[in-house]
C-alpha atoms as a PDB file:
ATOM      1  CA  MET A   1      24.059  65.355 -83.100  1.00  0.00           C
ATOM      2  CA  ILE A   2      22.580  62.074 -84.342  1.00  0.00           C
ATOM      3  CA  GLN A   3      24.643  60.133 -81.805  1.00  0.00           C
ATOM      4  CA  TYR A   4      23.388  62.403 -79.014  1.00  0.00           C
ATOM      5  CA  LEU A   5      19.774  62.010 -80.162  1.00  0.00           C
ATOM      6  CA  THR A   6      20.169  58.221 -80.385  1.00  0.00           C
ATOM      7  CA  HIS A   7      21.674  58.198 -76.881  1.00  0.00           C
ATOM      8  CA  CYS A   8      18.636  60.069 -75.518  1.00  0.00           C
ATOM      9  CA  LEU A   9      16.201  57.758 -77.274  1.00  0.00           C
ATOM     10  CA  ASP A  10      18.061  54.670 -76.027  1.00  0.00           C
ATOM     11  CA  LYS A  11      17.846  55.982 -72.456  1.00  0.00           C
ATOM     12  CA  LYS A  12      14.095  56.525 -72.818  1.00  0.00           C
ATOM     13  CA  ALA A  13      13.511  53.134 -74.420  1.00  0.00           C
ATOM     14  CA  SER A  14      15.414  51.331 -71.667  1.00  0.00           C
ATOM     15  CA  GLY A  15      13.171  52.917 -69.024  1.00  0.00           C
ATOM     16  CA  ASN A  16      16.153  54.624 -67.381  1.00  0.00           C
ATOM     17  CA  THR A  17      14.663  57.652 -65.661  1.00  0.00           C
ATOM     18  CA  GLN A  18      17.866  58.678 -63.897  1.00  0.00           C
ATOM     19  CA  PRO A  19      18.906  62.253 -64.699  1.00  0.00           C
ATOM     20  CA  MET A  20      21.348  62.570 -67.574  1.00  0.00           C
ATOM     21  CA  GLU A  21      23.520  65.594 -68.199  1.00  0.00           C
ATOM     22  CA  VAL A  22      20.402  67.489 -69.360  1.00  0.00           C
ATOM     23  CA  TYR A  23      16.752  67.416 -68.378  1.00  0.00           C
ATOM     24  CA  GLN A  24      14.554  64.659 -69.730  1.00  0.00           C
ATOM     25  CA  ASP A  25      13.052  65.237 -73.212  1.00  0.00           C
ATOM     26  CA  ARG A  26      15.853  67.558 -74.305  1.00  0.00           C
ATOM     27  CA  CYS A  27      17.132  65.345 -77.072  1.00  0.00           C
ATOM     28  CA  GLY A  28      18.292  67.730 -79.746  1.00  0.00           C
ATOM     29  CA  TYR A  29      17.087  69.978 -82.523  1.00  0.00           C
ATOM     30  CA  ASP A  30      13.809  69.669 -84.401  1.00  0.00           C
ATOM     31  CA  PRO A  31      13.187  71.037 -87.909  1.00  0.00           C
ATOM     32  CA  ARG A  32      14.968  74.258 -88.708  1.00  0.00           C
ATOM     33  CA  LEU A  33      13.302  77.576 -88.000  1.00  0.00           C
ATOM     34  CA  ILE A  34      14.380  80.976 -89.238  1.00  0.00           C
ATOM     35  CA  LEU A  35      15.994  83.329 -86.723  1.00  0.00           C
ATOM     36  CA  LEU A  36      15.517  86.861 -87.997  1.00  0.00           C
ATOM     37  CA  ALA A  37      17.508  89.665 -86.354  1.00  0.00           C
ATOM     38  CA  ILE A  38      15.882  93.073 -86.785  1.00  0.00           C
ATOM     39  CA  SER A  39      18.118  95.806 -85.443  1.00  0.00           C
ATOM     40  CA  PRO A  40      19.826  99.010 -86.559  1.00  0.00           C
ATOM     41  CA  PHE A  41      23.035  97.018 -85.999  1.00  0.00           C
ATOM     42  CA  SER A  42      22.071  94.039 -88.207  1.00  0.00           C
ATOM     43  CA  LYS A  43      24.418  93.402 -91.107  1.00  0.00           C
ATOM     44  CA  ALA A  44      22.787  94.423 -94.377  1.00  0.00           C
ATOM     45  CA  ASN A  45      22.038  91.631 -96.867  1.00  0.00           C
ATOM     46  CA  HIS A  46      23.704  89.058 -94.617  1.00  0.00           C
ATOM     47  CA  ILE A  47      22.768  85.429 -94.076  1.00  0.00           C
ATOM     48  CA  ASP A  48      24.495  83.731 -91.144  1.00  0.00           C
ATOM     49  CA  HIS A  49      24.716  79.957 -91.562  1.00  0.00           C
ATOM     50  CA  ARG A  50      25.658  79.125 -87.970  1.00  0.00           C
ATOM     51  CA  ILE A  51      23.389  76.813 -86.019  1.00  0.00           C
ATOM     52  CA  THR A  52      21.281  78.859 -83.628  1.00  0.00           C
ATOM     53  CA  ASP A  53      18.170  78.310 -81.526  1.00  0.00           C
ATOM     54  CA  GLN A  54      16.069  80.193 -79.000  1.00  0.00           C
ATOM     55  CA  THR A  55      18.779  79.861 -76.361  1.00  0.00           C
ATOM     56  CA  SER A  56      21.193  81.676 -78.696  1.00  0.00           C
ATOM     57  CA  ILE A  57      19.316  84.867 -77.838  1.00  0.00           C
ATOM     58  CA  LEU A  58      19.740  84.143 -74.128  1.00  0.00           C
ATOM     59  CA  ARG A  59      23.452  83.518 -74.725  1.00  0.00           C
ATOM     60  CA  PHE A  60      23.738  86.876 -76.536  1.00  0.00           C
ATOM     61  CA  ILE A  61      22.200  88.657 -73.533  1.00  0.00           C
ATOM     62  CA  GLU A  62      24.489  86.800 -71.106  1.00  0.00           C
ATOM     63  CA  ASP A  63      27.587  87.557 -73.195  1.00  0.00           C
ATOM     64  CA  ASN A  64      26.809  91.271 -73.496  1.00  0.00           C
ATOM     65  CA  TRP A  65      25.254  92.196 -70.161  1.00  0.00           C
ATOM     66  CA  LEU A  66      26.323  89.463 -67.736  1.00  0.00           C
ATOM     67  CA  GLY A  67      29.966  89.227 -68.773  1.00  0.00           C
ATOM     68  CA  GLY A  68      29.550  85.716 -70.197  1.00  0.00           C
ATOM     69  CA  GLN A  69      28.096  84.276 -66.979  1.00  0.00           C
ATOM     70  CA  ARG A  70      25.651  81.426 -67.762  1.00  0.00           C
ATOM     71  CA  ILE A  71      22.412  80.798 -65.887  1.00  0.00           C
ATOM     72  CA  GLY A  72      23.415  77.160 -65.396  1.00  0.00           C
ATOM     73  CA  ASP A  73      21.085  74.416 -64.191  1.00  0.00           C
ATOM     74  CA  HIS A  74      21.767  72.432 -67.377  1.00  0.00           C
ATOM     75  CA  SER A  75      20.418  75.258 -69.538  1.00  0.00           C
ATOM     76  CA  LEU A  76      21.336  74.826 -73.188  1.00  0.00           C
ATOM     77  CA  ASP A  77      22.560  78.413 -73.528  1.00  0.00           C
ATOM     78  CA  ALA A  78      26.118  77.211 -72.841  1.00  0.00           C
ATOM     79  CA  LYS A  79      25.972  75.065 -76.000  1.00  0.00           C
ATOM     80  CA  ALA A  80      23.979  77.526 -78.131  1.00  0.00           C
ATOM     81  CA  GLY A  81      25.443  79.058 -81.264  1.00  0.00           C
ATOM     82  CA  SER A  82      26.297  82.733 -81.160  1.00  0.00           C
ATOM     83  CA  VAL A  83      24.165  85.355 -82.915  1.00  0.00           C
ATOM     84  CA  ALA A  84      26.974  87.942 -82.669  1.00  0.00           C
ATOM     85  CA  GLY A  85      27.873  87.341 -86.340  1.00  0.00           C
ATOM     86  CA  MET A  86      24.523  88.816 -87.374  1.00  0.00           C
ATOM     87  CA  PHE A  87      25.436  92.252 -86.030  1.00  0.00           C
ATOM     88  CA  ASP A  88      27.978  94.978 -86.770  1.00  0.00           C
ATOM     89  CA  PHE A  89      28.340  97.172 -83.702  1.00  0.00           C
ATOM     90  CA  ASN A  90      31.242  99.124 -85.236  1.00  0.00           C
ATOM     91  CA  SER A  91      29.212 100.440 -88.194  1.00  0.00           C
ATOM     92  CA  GLY A  92      28.649 103.878 -86.661  1.00  0.00           C
ATOM     93  CA  ARG A  93      24.877 103.436 -86.828  1.00  0.00           C
ATOM     94  CA  LYS A  94      22.932 104.586 -83.805  1.00  0.00           C
ATOM     95  CA  PRO A  95      19.881 103.012 -82.171  1.00  0.00           C
ATOM     96  CA  VAL A  96      16.524 104.414 -83.235  1.00  0.00           C
ATOM     97  CA  SER A  97      15.208 107.024 -80.808  1.00  0.00           C
ATOM     98  CA  ASN A  98      11.548 107.469 -79.863  1.00  0.00           C
ATOM     99  CA  SER A  99      11.987 111.131 -78.907  1.00  0.00           C
ATOM    100  CA  SER A 100       9.871 113.652 -80.815  1.00  0.00           C
END
């Protein structure tokens, strides 16, 4: 990751404005933020140590409802960490219903 970040900064410093493999100013992760999964299918008392980001949620949607198809256009969802390890869909729990 540090090599990738350095590569992006070197490109900016050199004044090279030609498109790289990602859009300009996408140079890597910033400080860590907590990703909290609240769901009836979340694993109880579980901490997942995989690297995730906001695009991990997009990747989860693509994997489950688009058959793994990515939106493309250099979106970072293809490189995002999976959030699937935070869930247990075989637990027998059912989604919460709003019916009265």
